[in-house]
Amino acid sequence: MNPAERWGDRKDIYQYVERYGTVDYEDARRALNMSPEAFGHHVAVLRRDGILARTDDDLRVAFEDDTEETYVDEGLEVTIRQAREEDLTGLVGAIREALSDRTYIEGETVADVVESENVLLRHNEVRSRVFFVATVHGDVVGWVHLNAPELRKLRHTAELTVGVIDEYRGHGIGTKLLERAVDWALDNGFEKLYNSVPATNEEATAFLAERGWDTEAVRADHYKIGDEYVDEVMMAKRLG
C-alpha cells in the first residue's frame, strides 16, 4: 500500500470517529470494511500521533487539552477540564437549565446542534468545536464553548458561549471557564473571540465587559423573544 492509500484509510477512520463520537472498535472496522491487521495498524498510528484515543473497546477523538484544574470556593470543589463525549447528556442538560429564561439565544442554539448531532467534539474541513466544562462531584454545572470556522478568511476568529447553572453562580466558575477558553484560543493561534447576546441579558454583557470584552455593534430588533423584538449586542475580545 502506498503512502497516499495509507493516509486515505487513516483519514477515513478519523472522519468516522469524528462523525459519531465514541465508537466501538469492531463496529468501526466493519463499517469501514478493513481487515483487522490494516485497521489495527492505522489505529495504532493515529493513537501514536495523538489523533485518536482508545479506551477498552471504544475509539474517540483524542482530547487536545487533558489538563484538569480543581479549586475550592466556600467549601465547593470545582473541576475545570475539557469536555468528553460521555459528558454530552449532562452538558446539554446544563445548558438548557442555565438558559431556561431564553436570554442567550446562541447558547440555546449550541445545545440544539450538539443534541441533534449527538457529538461534542468537532474538527473537520468545515468547522472545529471544543467545550470545557465545570463539574461538581462529576456533574456538569457550567460550560464554555468555542466554535471556529475552518474558512481561511475566518480562521483567526472563534465564537464563544459560556454559562453556569443558577445554583452554582457566585463561585468564580464563569470566570475560570472564560480564562480557560481564552488560554486555549491563544495556544491555538486565534486572534479574536466574539459572542452575541440579547440586549435584555444585561448580566451577560456586564460579565464580559468586566473581563475586557468590547461591544462592537448592536443590531436592532435582531431577536424576537415571545412577542417582543430585542436588540442583539455583539461583543468581542482581541487576544494577544
Protein backbone atom coordinates (compact mmCIF):
# COMPACT_ATOMS: atom_id res chain seq x y z
CA MET A 1 0.00 0.00 0.00
CA ASN A 2 1.45 3.36 -0.99
CA PRO A 3 1.57 6.38 1.39
CA ALA A 4 -1.43 8.06 -0.24
CA GLU A 5 -3.59 4.97 0.30
CA ARG A 6 -2.42 4.66 3.92
CA TRP A 7 -3.29 8.29 4.60
CA GLY A 8 -6.65 7.84 2.88
CA ASP A 9 -7.53 4.91 5.13
CA ARG A 10 -6.43 6.78 8.25
CA LYS A 11 -8.46 9.80 7.21
CA ASP A 12 -11.50 7.54 6.73
CA ILE A 13 -11.05 6.16 10.25
CA TYR A 14 -10.67 9.60 11.79
CA GLN A 15 -13.67 11.01 9.97
CA TYR A 16 -15.83 8.05 11.02
CA VAL A 17 -14.92 8.50 14.68
CA GLU A 18 -15.26 12.28 14.48
CA ARG A 19 -18.71 11.96 12.93
CA TYR A 20 -20.13 9.59 15.53
CA GLY A 21 -18.20 10.48 18.69
CA THR A 22 -17.22 7.45 20.77
CA VAL A 23 -17.50 4.30 18.61
CA ASP A 24 -16.96 0.61 19.14
CA TYR A 25 -13.63 -0.56 17.70
CA GLU A 26 -15.01 -3.58 15.85
CA ASP A 27 -18.11 -1.74 14.66
CA ALA A 28 -15.89 0.94 13.12
CA ARG A 29 -13.63 -1.63 11.46
CA ARG A 30 -16.56 -3.46 9.91
CA ALA A 31 -18.26 -0.24 8.82
CA LEU A 32 -15.08 0.81 7.01
CA ASN A 33 -14.57 -2.68 5.56
CA MET A 34 -10.93 -3.00 6.65
CA SER A 35 -9.04 -6.10 7.62
CA PRO A 36 -8.20 -6.50 11.33
CA GLU A 37 -4.48 -6.13 10.56
CA ALA A 38 -4.79 -2.95 8.48
CA PHE A 39 -7.33 -1.34 10.80
CA GLY A 40 -5.25 -2.16 13.89
CA HIS A 41 -2.12 -0.69 12.31
CA HIS A 42 -3.85 2.53 11.25
CA VAL A 43 -5.46 2.97 14.67
CA ALA A 44 -2.08 2.41 16.35
CA VAL A 45 -0.53 5.16 14.21
CA LEU A 46 -3.44 7.54 14.88
CA ARG A 47 -3.08 6.89 18.60
CA ARG A 48 0.69 7.39 18.44
CA ASP A 49 0.18 10.75 16.76
CA GLY A 50 -2.36 11.88 19.37
CA ILE A 51 -5.26 11.96 16.93
CA LEU A 52 -7.37 9.13 18.35
CA ALA A 53 -7.63 7.58 21.80
CA ARG A 54 -8.78 4.09 22.74
CA THR A 55 -10.44 3.03 25.99
CA ASP A 56 -11.20 -0.69 26.24
CA ASP A 57 -13.25 -1.37 23.08
CA ASP A 58 -14.06 2.26 22.29
CA LEU A 59 -12.39 4.77 19.97
CA ARG A 60 -12.78 8.54 20.25
CA VAL A 61 -11.06 11.68 19.02
CA ALA A 62 -8.14 12.46 21.30
CA PHE A 63 -8.55 15.46 23.53
CA GLU A 64 -6.39 18.43 22.70
CA ASP A 65 -6.08 19.57 26.32
CA ASP A 66 -6.32 16.99 29.09
CA THR A 67 -5.26 19.36 31.89
CA GLU A 68 -7.63 19.46 34.86
CA GLU A 69 -7.82 22.32 37.34
CA THR A 70 -9.56 21.84 40.67
CA TYR A 71 -10.21 24.64 43.12
CA VAL A 72 -12.32 25.13 46.24
CA ASP A 73 -14.55 28.15 46.89
CA GLU A 74 -16.54 28.36 50.12
CA GLY A 75 -16.33 24.60 50.52
CA LEU A 76 -17.41 23.87 46.94
CA GLU A 77 -14.88 21.80 44.97
CA VAL A 78 -14.98 22.57 41.26
CA THR A 79 -13.04 20.92 38.44
CA ILE A 80 -12.42 22.68 35.13
CA ARG A 81 -11.48 20.39 32.22
CA GLN A 82 -12.10 19.74 28.56
CA ALA A 83 -15.43 18.03 27.90
CA ARG A 84 -15.53 14.39 26.91
CA GLU A 85 -18.07 12.66 24.71
CA GLU A 86 -19.58 11.00 27.77
CA ASP A 87 -20.40 14.48 29.12
CA LEU A 88 -22.80 15.13 26.23
CA THR A 89 -26.10 14.46 28.00
CA GLY A 90 -25.07 16.30 31.16
CA LEU A 91 -23.70 19.22 29.19
CA VAL A 92 -26.84 19.67 27.09
CA GLY A 93 -28.92 19.43 30.25
CA ALA A 94 -26.79 22.07 31.98
CA ILE A 95 -27.07 24.43 29.01
CA ARG A 96 -30.85 24.07 28.86
CA GLU A 97 -31.23 24.55 32.61
CA ALA A 98 -28.95 27.60 32.68
CA LEU A 99 -30.70 29.18 29.70
CA SER A 100 -34.31 28.38 30.55
CA ASP A 101 -35.13 32.11 30.62
CA ARG A 102 -34.31 32.32 26.86
CA THR A 103 -31.93 35.26 27.22
CA TYR A 104 -28.96 33.65 25.47
CA ILE A 105 -30.04 32.56 22.00
CA GLU A 106 -26.61 31.47 20.77
CA GLY A 107 -26.22 29.20 23.79
CA GLU A 108 -29.59 27.61 23.11
CA THR A 109 -28.53 27.01 19.51
CA VAL A 110 -25.36 25.25 20.70
CA ALA A 111 -27.46 22.85 22.78
CA ASP A 112 -29.77 22.16 19.84
CA VAL A 113 -26.88 21.44 17.45
CA VAL A 114 -24.98 19.19 19.86
CA GLU A 115 -28.12 17.25 20.78
CA SER A 116 -29.11 16.72 17.15
CA GLU A 117 -25.60 15.68 16.05
CA ASN A 118 -25.02 13.61 19.22
CA VAL A 119 -21.31 14.54 19.10
CA LEU A 120 -19.43 17.04 21.26
CA LEU A 121 -16.01 17.36 19.67
CA ARG A 122 -15.72 18.51 16.07
CA HIS A 123 -12.63 19.02 13.95
CA ASN A 124 -13.07 18.72 10.20
CA GLU A 125 -12.71 20.67 6.96
CA VAL A 126 -15.69 22.87 7.77
CA ARG A 127 -15.70 23.57 11.49
CA SER A 128 -13.95 22.92 14.78
CA ARG A 129 -15.81 22.77 18.09
CA VAL A 130 -14.46 22.35 21.60
CA PHE A 131 -16.02 22.55 25.06
CA PHE A 132 -14.60 23.00 28.53
CA VAL A 133 -16.82 22.14 31.48
CA ALA A 134 -17.01 22.84 35.18
CA THR A 135 -18.00 19.80 37.23
CA VAL A 136 -19.04 19.30 40.83
CA HIS A 137 -18.98 15.70 42.06
CA GLY A 138 -18.59 14.71 38.40
CA ASP A 139 -21.75 16.53 37.24
CA VAL A 140 -21.59 19.35 34.69
CA VAL A 141 -22.63 22.68 36.24
CA GLY A 142 -21.12 25.09 33.70
CA TRP A 143 -19.54 25.22 30.26
CA VAL A 144 -17.65 27.31 27.78
CA HIS A 145 -17.89 26.54 24.08
CA LEU A 146 -15.64 27.61 21.22
CA ASN A 147 -16.84 27.24 17.65
CA ALA A 148 -14.34 28.01 14.90
CA PRO A 149 -14.96 28.03 11.14
CA GLU A 150 -12.24 26.47 9.01
CA LEU A 151 -12.77 29.03 6.24
CA ARG A 152 -9.38 30.61 5.55
CA LYS A 153 -10.59 34.21 5.96
CA LEU A 154 -12.14 33.44 9.36
CA ARG A 155 -9.59 31.07 10.86
CA HIS A 156 -8.34 33.74 13.27
CA THR A 157 -11.75 34.08 14.95
CA ALA A 158 -13.88 31.85 17.16
CA GLU A 159 -17.38 32.20 18.58
CA LEU A 160 -17.67 31.68 22.34
CA THR A 161 -20.60 30.92 24.63
CA VAL A 162 -20.34 30.45 28.38
CA GLY A 163 -22.78 29.74 31.16
CA VAL A 164 -23.27 28.36 34.68
CA ILE A 165 -26.33 26.80 36.34
CA ASP A 166 -28.03 29.29 38.66
CA GLU A 167 -27.32 27.35 41.85
CA TYR A 168 -23.57 27.44 41.23
CA ARG A 169 -23.13 31.09 40.28
CA GLY A 170 -21.09 33.30 42.58
CA HIS A 171 -18.21 30.82 42.96
CA GLY A 172 -15.98 32.13 40.17
CA ILE A 173 -16.91 29.29 37.81
CA GLY A 174 -17.78 31.51 34.86
CA THR A 175 -14.52 33.43 35.22
CA LYS A 176 -12.46 30.24 35.40
CA LEU A 177 -14.19 28.82 32.31
CA LEU A 178 -13.67 32.04 30.37
CA GLU A 179 -9.98 32.13 31.30
CA ARG A 180 -9.56 28.51 30.21
CA ALA A 181 -11.17 29.25 26.85
CA VAL A 182 -9.02 32.33 26.26
CA ASP A 183 -5.86 30.34 27.10
CA TRP A 184 -6.89 27.61 24.66
CA ALA A 185 -7.63 30.17 21.93
CA LEU A 186 -4.23 31.83 22.42
CA ASP A 187 -2.43 28.47 22.36
CA ASN A 188 -4.19 27.61 19.08
CA GLY A 189 -3.41 30.85 17.27
CA PHE A 190 -6.75 32.63 17.46
CA GLU A 191 -6.69 36.42 17.42
CA LYS A 192 -10.28 37.29 18.30
CA LEU A 193 -13.24 35.83 20.18
CA TYR A 194 -16.80 37.03 19.73
CA ASN A 195 -20.11 36.49 21.45
CA SER A 196 -23.64 37.74 20.75
CA VAL A 197 -26.40 38.08 23.33
CA PRO A 198 -29.82 39.74 23.50
CA ALA A 199 -29.69 43.24 24.97
CA THR A 200 -32.06 42.08 27.71
CA ASN A 201 -29.29 39.83 29.08
CA GLU A 202 -27.59 42.63 30.99
CA GLU A 203 -25.89 40.17 33.34
CA ALA A 204 -24.02 38.53 30.44
CA THR A 205 -22.95 41.79 28.81
CA ALA A 206 -21.73 43.15 32.16
CA PHE A 207 -19.85 39.91 32.90
CA LEU A 208 -17.98 40.08 29.60
CA ALA A 209 -17.35 43.84 29.76
CA GLU A 210 -15.78 43.47 33.21
CA ARG A 211 -13.35 40.95 31.70
CA GLY A 212 -12.15 43.09 28.83
CA TRP A 213 -14.75 42.42 26.14
CA ASP A 214 -15.90 45.32 23.97
CA THR A 215 -19.26 45.96 22.32
CA GLU A 216 -18.56 46.08 18.59
CA ALA A 217 -22.09 46.59 17.31
CA VAL A 218 -25.77 46.46 18.18
CA ARG A 219 -28.28 45.02 15.72
CA ALA A 220 -31.69 46.48 16.30
CA ASP A 221 -34.63 44.09 16.75
CA HIS A 222 -32.50 41.11 15.74
CA TYR A 223 -34.26 38.64 18.05
CA LYS A 224 -37.94 38.03 18.62
CA ILE A 225 -38.48 36.63 22.10
CA GLY A 226 -42.13 35.88 22.64
CA ASP A 227 -43.93 38.82 21.10
CA GLU A 228 -41.13 41.32 21.67
CA TYR A 229 -38.29 42.35 19.39
CA VAL A 230 -34.92 42.55 21.14
CA ASP A 231 -31.60 44.05 20.04
CA GLU A 232 -28.53 41.87 19.64
CA VAL A 233 -25.35 43.02 21.40
CA MET A 234 -22.26 41.83 19.50
CA MET A 235 -19.23 41.65 21.83
CA ALA A 236 -15.63 40.69 21.10
CA LYS A 237 -12.24 40.28 22.73
CA ARG A 238 -8.97 40.67 20.86
CA LEU A 239 -6.24 38.34 22.04
CA GLY A 240 -2.51 38.79 22.32
